[in-house]
Amino acid sequence: MGAMVRRANTIIGSSDFTALYDKGYHTGTEFDYAHKQGFEVMAA
């Protein structure tokens, strides 16, 4: 998840987006990284 939000940020040029992930495809550390970088993340 962390690598994907970094790549999306590079492509879009902004952290102004919401990343949606399937449950089980993330860890608490990755959510922490995304939060600290200013990404909005939702898990379904």
C-alpha atoms as a PDB file:
ATOM      1  CA  MET A   1       0.000   0.000   0.000  1.00  0.00           C
ATOM      2  CA  GLY A   2       2.741   2.465   0.867  1.00  0.00           C
ATOM      3  CA  ALA A   3       4.472   2.056  -2.496  1.00  0.00           C
ATOM      4  CA  MET A   4       1.174   2.500  -4.331  1.00  0.00           C
ATOM      5  CA  VAL A   5       0.253   5.764  -2.607  1.00  0.00           C
ATOM      6  CA  ARG A   6       3.764   7.091  -3.247  1.00  0.00           C
ATOM      7  CA  ARG A   7       3.453   6.217  -6.931  1.00  0.00           C
ATOM      8  CA  ALA A   8      -0.045   7.721  -7.194  1.00  0.00           C
ATOM      9  CA  ASN A   9       1.286  10.881  -5.554  1.00  0.00           C
ATOM     10  CA  THR A  10       4.078  11.051  -8.147  1.00  0.00           C
ATOM     11  CA  ILE A  11       1.684  10.505 -11.063  1.00  0.00           C
ATOM     12  CA  ILE A  12      -0.980  12.924  -9.803  1.00  0.00           C
ATOM     13  CA  GLY A  13       1.506  15.390  -8.353  1.00  0.00           C
ATOM     14  CA  SER A  14      -0.527  15.825  -5.190  1.00  0.00           C
ATOM     15  CA  SER A  15      -1.624  13.928  -2.076  1.00  0.00           C
ATOM     16  CA  ASP A  16      -5.143  15.301  -2.564  1.00  0.00           C
ATOM     17  CA  PHE A  17      -6.811  11.963  -3.299  1.00  0.00           C
ATOM     18  CA  THR A  18      -8.434   9.073  -1.446  1.00  0.00           C
ATOM     19  CA  ALA A  19      -6.937   5.590  -1.773  1.00  0.00           C
ATOM     20  CA  LEU A  20      -9.384   2.701  -1.417  1.00  0.00           C
ATOM     21  CA  TYR A  21      -8.054  -0.731  -0.462  1.00  0.00           C
ATOM     22  CA  ASP A  22      -9.572  -4.150   0.001  1.00  0.00           C
ATOM     23  CA  LYS A  23      -9.330  -5.334   3.598  1.00  0.00           C
ATOM     24  CA  GLY A  24      -6.357  -7.580   4.190  1.00  0.00           C
ATOM     25  CA  TYR A  25      -4.212  -5.688   1.685  1.00  0.00           C
ATOM     26  CA  HIS A  26      -2.587  -3.389   4.201  1.00  0.00           C
ATOM     27  CA  THR A  27      -0.821  -3.227   7.541  1.00  0.00           C
ATOM     28  CA  GLY A  28      -0.973  -0.761  10.392  1.00  0.00           C
ATOM     29  CA  THR A  29       2.486   0.494   9.466  1.00  0.00           C
ATOM     30  CA  GLU A  30       1.301   1.305   5.949  1.00  0.00           C
ATOM     31  CA  PHE A  31      -1.733   3.187   7.276  1.00  0.00           C
ATOM     32  CA  ASP A  32       0.587   5.132   9.576  1.00  0.00           C
ATOM     33  CA  TYR A  33       2.851   6.035   6.645  1.00  0.00           C
ATOM     34  CA  ALA A  34      -0.104   7.169   4.528  1.00  0.00           C
ATOM     35  CA  HIS A  35      -1.487   9.264   7.394  1.00  0.00           C
ATOM     36  CA  LYS A  36       1.859  10.949   8.055  1.00  0.00           C
ATOM     37  CA  GLN A  37       2.195  11.779   4.345  1.00  0.00           C
ATOM     38  CA  GLY A  38      -1.286  13.351   4.256  1.00  0.00           C
ATOM     39  CA  PHE A  39      -3.050  10.681   2.196  1.00  0.00           C
ATOM     40  CA  GLU A  40      -6.653   9.806   2.889  1.00  0.00           C
ATOM     41  CA  VAL A  41      -7.060   6.021   2.934  1.00  0.00           C
ATOM     42  CA  MET A  42     -10.191   3.885   3.197  1.00  0.00           C
ATOM     43  CA  ALA A  43     -10.404   0.095   3.504  1.00  0.00           C
ATOM     44  CA  ALA A  44     -13.446  -1.864   2.422  1.00  0.00           C
END
